């Protein structure tokens, strides 16, 4: 029983750390190939107590051409372009009350990574219902870091392959939220096992 208790404690700690890590606005996947067509996903958690997230703006890096956006119920999007017609930013706005501190939204969009891209730095700006704005534009070690996507060399055929969204990543490359949910399931399973063993011992 001591071993089961230790497992439960360790899993609970791991789940807590995963929840903390997923509290940032981030863009998935974490890595793409040069010259690849890719579906990106921006995940926006709402953190501030007593207010809701009603808007998020994402600045599009120079190393990617964004072309399509998946509609999301209850939210509308406004696209900004430069003189050459390149999408430079997109703003998602809630059509209703927004999302509370225990909720999140995620938006999918498609883009083509440039042949010479080295790194994609996604700067986001999260607006709350009280007018406060959190700028996710800092360095990786900042309190509000920008999300960064690493860019690798294209495949041997000269083209990258990466049309999948964050949900298509292999198990070894799961994002913090997915990992947290998996650990939560493990905790529930271990708790059920411990309860069954206790009932058996008391008989």
C-alpha atoms as a PDB file:
ATOM      1  CA  UNK A   1       0.000   0.000   0.000  1.00  0.00           C
ATOM      2  CA  UNK A   2       2.904   2.346   0.645  1.00  0.00           C
ATOM      3  CA  UNK A   3       4.032   1.885  -2.968  1.00  0.00           C
ATOM      4  CA  UNK A   4       0.551   2.693  -4.269  1.00  0.00           C
ATOM      5  CA  UNK A   5       0.437   5.819  -2.107  1.00  0.00           C
ATOM      6  CA  UNK A   6       3.813   6.950  -3.443  1.00  0.00           C
ATOM      7  CA  UNK A   7       2.616   6.448  -7.023  1.00  0.00           C
ATOM      8  CA  UNK A   8      -0.522   8.465  -6.384  1.00  0.00           C
ATOM      9  CA  UNK A   9       1.479  11.293  -4.812  1.00  0.00           C
ATOM     10  CA  UNK A  10       3.977  11.416  -7.692  1.00  0.00           C
ATOM     11  CA  UNK A  11       1.230  11.373 -10.322  1.00  0.00           C
ATOM     12  CA  UNK A  12      -0.629  14.185  -8.549  1.00  0.00           C
ATOM     13  CA  UNK A  13       2.513  16.331  -8.498  1.00  0.00           C
ATOM     14  CA  UNK A  14       3.161  15.653 -12.174  1.00  0.00           C
ATOM     15  CA  UNK A  15      -0.395  16.622 -13.056  1.00  0.00           C
ATOM     16  CA  UNK A  16      -0.036  19.872 -11.121  1.00  0.00           C
ATOM     17  CA  UNK A  17       3.172  20.827 -12.917  1.00  0.00           C
ATOM     18  CA  UNK A  18       1.632  20.010 -16.307  1.00  0.00           C
ATOM     19  CA  UNK A  19      -1.314  22.294 -15.519  1.00  0.00           C
ATOM     20  CA  UNK A  20       1.044  25.128 -14.650  1.00  0.00           C
ATOM     21  CA  UNK A  21       3.021  24.668 -17.864  1.00  0.00           C
ATOM     22  CA  UNK A  22      -0.129  24.777 -20.001  1.00  0.00           C
ATOM     23  CA  UNK A  23      -1.253  28.132 -18.561  1.00  0.00           C
ATOM     24  CA  UNK A  24       0.594  30.095 -21.256  1.00  0.00           C
ATOM     25  CA  UNK A  25      -0.817  31.107 -24.619  1.00  0.00           C
ATOM     26  CA  UNK A  26       1.059  28.887 -27.048  1.00  0.00           C
ATOM     27  CA  UNK A  27       1.114  27.785 -30.666  1.00  0.00           C
ATOM     28  CA  UNK A  28       1.549  24.126 -31.619  1.00  0.00           C
ATOM     29  CA  UNK A  29       3.306  22.182 -32.962  1.00  0.00           C
ATOM     30  CA  UNK A  30       6.639  22.926 -31.319  1.00  0.00           C
ATOM     31  CA  UNK A  31       8.577  21.978 -34.462  1.00  0.00           C
ATOM     32  CA  UNK A  32       7.949  22.206 -38.217  1.00  0.00           C
ATOM     33  CA  UNK A  33       9.988  21.680 -41.383  1.00  0.00           C
ATOM     34  CA  UNK A  34      11.043  24.306 -43.888  1.00  0.00           C
ATOM     35  CA  UNK A  35       8.877  24.562 -47.021  1.00  0.00           C
ATOM     36  CA  UNK A  36       6.060  22.631 -45.273  1.00  0.00           C
ATOM     37  CA  UNK A  37       2.314  23.174 -45.305  1.00  0.00           C
ATOM     38  CA  UNK A  38       1.217  23.006 -41.678  1.00  0.00           C
ATOM     39  CA  UNK A  39      -1.917  23.291 -39.569  1.00  0.00           C
ATOM     40  CA  UNK A  40      -1.090  25.363 -36.492  1.00  0.00           C
ATOM     41  CA  UNK A  41      -3.137  25.558 -33.297  1.00  0.00           C
ATOM     42  CA  UNK A  42      -3.122  28.466 -30.860  1.00  0.00           C
ATOM     43  CA  UNK A  43      -4.363  27.482 -27.396  1.00  0.00           C
ATOM     44  CA  UNK A  44      -5.601  30.295 -25.154  1.00  0.00           C
ATOM     45  CA  UNK A  45      -6.277  29.560 -21.464  1.00  0.00           C
ATOM     46  CA  UNK A  46      -8.030  32.169 -19.319  1.00  0.00           C
ATOM     47  CA  UNK A  47      -6.258  32.759 -16.001  1.00  0.00           C
ATOM     48  CA  UNK A  48      -7.466  35.941 -14.317  1.00  0.00           C
ATOM     49  CA  UNK A  49      -9.981  35.381 -11.538  1.00  0.00           C
ATOM     50  CA  UNK A  50     -13.305  37.201 -11.837  1.00  0.00           C
ATOM     51  CA  UNK A  51     -12.837  38.293 -15.469  1.00  0.00           C
ATOM     52  CA  UNK A  52     -13.017  36.517 -18.795  1.00  0.00           C
ATOM     53  CA  UNK A  53     -10.884  36.369 -21.912  1.00  0.00           C
ATOM     54  CA  UNK A  54     -12.802  38.071 -24.712  1.00  0.00           C
ATOM     55  CA  UNK A  55     -10.172  38.609 -27.390  1.00  0.00           C
ATOM     56  CA  UNK A  56      -6.763  37.366 -28.513  1.00  0.00           C
ATOM     57  CA  UNK A  57      -4.547  38.801 -31.235  1.00  0.00           C
ATOM     58  CA  UNK A  58      -1.759  36.770 -32.829  1.00  0.00           C
ATOM     59  CA  UNK A  59       1.086  38.397 -34.766  1.00  0.00           C
ATOM     60  CA  UNK A  60       2.173  36.188 -37.692  1.00  0.00           C
ATOM     61  CA  UNK A  61       5.984  35.762 -38.005  1.00  0.00           C
ATOM     62  CA  UNK A  62       7.767  36.621 -41.248  1.00  0.00           C
ATOM     63  CA  UNK A  63       8.756  32.989 -41.828  1.00  0.00           C
ATOM     64  CA  UNK A  64       5.263  31.689 -42.498  1.00  0.00           C
ATOM     65  CA  UNK A  65       2.475  32.527 -44.962  1.00  0.00           C
ATOM     66  CA  UNK A  66      -0.926  32.012 -43.298  1.00  0.00           C
ATOM     67  CA  UNK A  67      -3.791  31.357 -45.699  1.00  0.00           C
ATOM     68  CA  UNK A  68      -6.797  29.681 -44.029  1.00  0.00           C
ATOM     69  CA  UNK A  69      -8.592  29.799 -40.680  1.00  0.00           C
ATOM     70  CA  UNK A  70     -10.935  27.221 -39.176  1.00  0.00           C
ATOM     71  CA  UNK A  71     -14.180  28.785 -37.859  1.00  0.00           C
ATOM     72  CA  UNK A  72     -14.781  28.469 -34.118  1.00  0.00           C
ATOM     73  CA  UNK A  73     -18.329  28.641 -32.702  1.00  0.00           C
ATOM     74  CA  UNK A  74     -18.979  31.782 -30.681  1.00  0.00           C
ATOM     75  CA  UNK A  75     -15.886  33.583 -31.976  1.00  0.00           C
ATOM     76  CA  UNK A  76     -15.214  35.738 -35.040  1.00  0.00           C
ATOM     77  CA  UNK A  77     -11.855  36.602 -36.599  1.00  0.00           C
ATOM     78  CA  UNK A  78     -10.419  39.769 -38.120  1.00  0.00           C
ATOM     79  CA  UNK A  79      -7.407  39.444 -40.445  1.00  0.00           C
ATOM     80  CA  UNK A  80      -4.745  42.105 -41.031  1.00  0.00           C
ATOM     81  CA  UNK A  81      -2.601  42.162 -44.196  1.00  0.00           C
ATOM     82  CA  UNK A  82       0.332  44.247 -45.407  1.00  0.00           C
ATOM     83  CA  UNK A  83       0.655  45.989 -48.782  1.00  0.00           C
ATOM     84  CA  UNK A  84       1.793  42.721 -50.399  1.00  0.00           C
ATOM     85  CA  UNK A  85      -1.301  40.868 -49.202  1.00  0.00           C
ATOM     86  CA  UNK A  86       0.537  38.804 -46.585  1.00  0.00           C
ATOM     87  CA  UNK A  87      -1.413  38.068 -43.399  1.00  0.00           C
ATOM     88  CA  UNK A  88       0.437  39.848 -40.587  1.00  0.00           C
ATOM     89  CA  UNK A  89      -2.000  39.335 -37.717  1.00  0.00           C
ATOM     90  CA  UNK A  90      -5.343  37.801 -36.808  1.00  0.00           C
ATOM     91  CA  UNK A  91      -7.631  38.731 -33.937  1.00  0.00           C
ATOM     92  CA  UNK A  92     -10.231  36.338 -32.552  1.00  0.00           C
ATOM     93  CA  UNK A  93     -13.097  38.048 -30.716  1.00  0.00           C
ATOM     94  CA  UNK A  94     -15.771  36.429 -28.579  1.00  0.00           C
ATOM     95  CA  UNK A  95     -19.321  36.973 -29.800  1.00  0.00           C
ATOM     96  CA  UNK A  96     -20.628  36.376 -26.288  1.00  0.00           C
ATOM     97  CA  UNK A  97     -19.234  36.355 -22.764  1.00  0.00           C
ATOM     98  CA  UNK A  98     -15.772  34.965 -23.488  1.00  0.00           C
ATOM     99  CA  UNK A  99     -14.129  32.221 -21.425  1.00  0.00           C
ATOM    100  CA  UNK A 100     -13.588  32.003 -17.662  1.00  0.00           C
ATOM    101  CA  UNK A 101     -10.520  31.188 -15.587  1.00  0.00           C
ATOM    102  CA  UNK A 102     -11.044  27.407 -15.753  1.00  0.00           C
ATOM    103  CA  UNK A 103     -11.630  27.349 -19.528  1.00  0.00           C
ATOM    104  CA  UNK A 104      -9.616  27.586 -22.733  1.00  0.00           C
ATOM    105  CA  UNK A 105     -10.195  27.944 -26.463  1.00  0.00           C
ATOM    106  CA  UNK A 106      -8.039  26.872 -29.370  1.00  0.00           C
ATOM    107  CA  UNK A 107      -8.058  28.045 -32.970  1.00  0.00           C
ATOM    108  CA  UNK A 108      -6.642  26.212 -35.998  1.00  0.00           C
ATOM    109  CA  UNK A 109      -5.116  27.892 -39.018  1.00  0.00           C
ATOM    110  CA  UNK A 110      -3.105  26.743 -42.019  1.00  0.00           C
ATOM    111  CA  UNK A 111       0.149  28.162 -43.297  1.00  0.00           C
ATOM    112  CA  UNK A 112       3.208  27.498 -45.422  1.00  0.00           C
ATOM    113  CA  UNK A 113       6.623  27.676 -43.782  1.00  0.00           C
ATOM    114  CA  UNK A 114       9.247  29.549 -45.803  1.00  0.00           C
ATOM    115  CA  UNK A 115      12.166  27.643 -47.356  1.00  0.00           C
ATOM    116  CA  UNK A 116      14.662  29.749 -45.403  1.00  0.00           C
ATOM    117  CA  UNK A 117      12.768  30.003 -42.102  1.00  0.00           C
ATOM    118  CA  UNK A 118      14.858  29.363 -38.982  1.00  0.00           C
ATOM    119  CA  UNK A 119      12.426  29.952 -36.117  1.00  0.00           C
ATOM    120  CA  UNK A 120       8.838  31.145 -35.764  1.00  0.00           C
ATOM    121  CA  UNK A 121       8.175  33.479 -32.843  1.00  0.00           C
ATOM    122  CA  UNK A 122       4.449  33.919 -32.242  1.00  0.00           C
ATOM    123  CA  UNK A 123       3.590  37.064 -30.268  1.00  0.00           C
ATOM    124  CA  UNK A 124       0.089  37.115 -28.810  1.00  0.00           C
ATOM    125  CA  UNK A 125      -1.995  39.706 -26.980  1.00  0.00           C
ATOM    126  CA  UNK A 126      -4.772  38.473 -24.669  1.00  0.00           C
ATOM    127  CA  UNK A 127      -7.580  40.866 -23.710  1.00  0.00           C
ATOM    128  CA  UNK A 128      -9.835  40.396 -20.672  1.00  0.00           C
ATOM    129  CA  UNK A 129     -13.359  41.648 -20.058  1.00  0.00           C
ATOM    130  CA  UNK A 130     -12.088  44.371 -17.698  1.00  0.00           C
ATOM    131  CA  UNK A 131      -9.880  45.817 -20.445  1.00  0.00           C
ATOM    132  CA  UNK A 132      -6.609  44.376 -19.166  1.00  0.00           C
ATOM    133  CA  UNK A 133      -4.213  43.110 -21.840  1.00  0.00           C
ATOM    134  CA  UNK A 134      -1.508  40.473 -21.336  1.00  0.00           C
ATOM    135  CA  UNK A 135       1.233  40.600 -23.973  1.00  0.00           C
ATOM    136  CA  UNK A 136       2.732  37.160 -24.581  1.00  0.00           C
ATOM    137  CA  UNK A 137       5.799  38.603 -26.266  1.00  0.00           C
ATOM    138  CA  UNK A 138       8.686  37.985 -23.873  1.00  0.00           C
ATOM    139  CA  UNK A 139      11.763  35.770 -23.924  1.00  0.00           C
ATOM    140  CA  UNK A 140      11.393  32.042 -23.118  1.00  0.00           C
ATOM    141  CA  UNK A 141      12.241  32.633 -19.441  1.00  0.00           C
ATOM    142  CA  UNK A 142       9.868  35.607 -19.044  1.00  0.00           C
ATOM    143  CA  UNK A 143       6.612  35.509 -17.086  1.00  0.00           C
ATOM    144  CA  UNK A 144       4.688  36.022 -20.325  1.00  0.00           C
ATOM    145  CA  UNK A 145       6.842  34.392 -23.026  1.00  0.00           C
ATOM    146  CA  UNK A 146       6.101  34.370 -26.725  1.00  0.00           C
ATOM    147  CA  UNK A 147       5.434  30.923 -28.168  1.00  0.00           C
ATOM    148  CA  UNK A 148       8.307  29.637 -30.320  1.00  0.00           C
ATOM    149  CA  UNK A 149       8.184  27.022 -33.080  1.00  0.00           C
ATOM    150  CA  UNK A 150      11.524  25.493 -34.071  1.00  0.00           C
ATOM    151  CA  UNK A 151      12.111  25.027 -37.809  1.00  0.00           C
ATOM    152  CA  UNK A 152      14.086  22.078 -39.174  1.00  0.00           C
ATOM    153  CA  UNK A 153      15.528  21.474 -42.639  1.00  0.00           C
ATOM    154  CA  UNK A 154      13.170  20.201 -45.326  1.00  0.00           C
ATOM    155  CA  UNK A 155      13.078  16.481 -46.107  1.00  0.00           C
ATOM    156  CA  UNK A 156      15.200  14.769 -48.744  1.00  0.00           C
ATOM    157  CA  UNK A 157      12.652  15.526 -51.466  1.00  0.00           C
ATOM    158  CA  UNK A 158      13.036  19.231 -50.770  1.00  0.00           C
ATOM    159  CA  UNK A 159       9.628  19.526 -49.173  1.00  0.00           C
ATOM    160  CA  UNK A 160       8.649  19.427 -45.541  1.00  0.00           C
ATOM    161  CA  UNK A 161       5.698  17.379 -44.384  1.00  0.00           C
ATOM    162  CA  UNK A 162       3.638  18.589 -41.475  1.00  0.00           C
ATOM    163  CA  UNK A 163      -0.033  19.029 -42.202  1.00  0.00           C
ATOM    164  CA  UNK A 164      -1.130  17.722 -38.825  1.00  0.00           C
ATOM    165  CA  UNK A 165      -2.469  19.776 -35.939  1.00  0.00           C
ATOM    166  CA  UNK A 166      -1.362  19.617 -32.318  1.00  0.00           C
ATOM    167  CA  UNK A 167      -3.612  16.603 -31.760  1.00  0.00           C
ATOM    168  CA  UNK A 168      -1.674  14.618 -34.399  1.00  0.00           C
ATOM    169  CA  UNK A 169       1.669  14.766 -32.591  1.00  0.00           C
ATOM    170  CA  UNK A 170       3.114  11.428 -31.419  1.00  0.00           C
ATOM    171  CA  UNK A 171       2.862  10.469 -27.775  1.00  0.00           C
ATOM    172  CA  UNK A 172       6.489  11.415 -27.154  1.00  0.00           C
ATOM    173  CA  UNK A 173       5.810  15.003 -28.235  1.00  0.00           C
ATOM    174  CA  UNK A 174       2.575  15.798 -26.431  1.00  0.00           C
ATOM    175  CA  UNK A 175       1.846  19.340 -25.327  1.00  0.00           C
ATOM    176  CA  UNK A 176       1.490  20.063 -21.582  1.00  0.00           C
ATOM    177  CA  UNK A 177      -2.326  20.072 -21.572  1.00  0.00           C
ATOM    178  CA  UNK A 178      -2.557  16.693 -23.301  1.00  0.00           C
ATOM    179  CA  UNK A 179       0.054  15.314 -20.922  1.00  0.00           C
ATOM    180  CA  UNK A 180      -1.872  16.697 -17.955  1.00  0.00           C
ATOM    181  CA  UNK A 181      -5.089  15.011 -19.080  1.00  0.00           C
ATOM    182  CA  UNK A 182      -3.269  11.707 -19.553  1.00  0.00           C
ATOM    183  CA  UNK A 183      -1.786  11.950 -16.054  1.00  0.00           C
ATOM    184  CA  UNK A 184      -5.219  12.773 -14.630  1.00  0.00           C
ATOM    185  CA  UNK A 185      -6.520   9.540 -16.132  1.00  0.00           C
ATOM    186  CA  UNK A 186      -3.600   7.661 -14.603  1.00  0.00           C
ATOM    187  CA  UNK A 187      -4.342   9.173 -11.182  1.00  0.00           C
ATOM    188  CA  UNK A 188      -7.987   8.118 -11.407  1.00  0.00           C
ATOM    189  CA  UNK A 189      -6.989   4.578 -12.378  1.00  0.00           C
ATOM    190  CA  UNK A 190      -4.494   4.263  -9.545  1.00  0.00           C
ATOM    191  CA  UNK A 191      -7.044   5.602  -7.058  1.00  0.00           C
ATOM    192  CA  UNK A 192      -9.564   2.965  -8.168  1.00  0.00           C
ATOM    193  CA  UNK A 193      -6.920   0.248  -7.826  1.00  0.00           C
ATOM    194  CA  UNK A 194      -5.995   1.412  -4.325  1.00  0.00           C
ATOM    195  CA  UNK A 195      -9.654   1.437  -3.253  1.00  0.00           C
ATOM    196  CA  UNK A 196     -10.159  -2.106  -4.578  1.00  0.00           C
ATOM    197  CA  UNK A 197      -7.103  -3.384  -2.710  1.00  0.00           C
ATOM    198  CA  UNK A 198      -8.286  -1.755   0.518  1.00  0.00           C
ATOM    199  CA  UNK A 199     -11.715  -3.380   0.231  1.00  0.00           C
ATOM    200  CA  UNK A 200     -10.098  -6.756  -0.362  1.00  0.00           C
ATOM    201  CA  UNK A 201      -7.886  -6.413   2.726  1.00  0.00           C
ATOM    202  CA  UNK A 202     -10.824  -5.500   4.973  1.00  0.00           C
ATOM    203  CA  UNK A 203     -12.813  -8.593   4.002  1.00  0.00           C
END
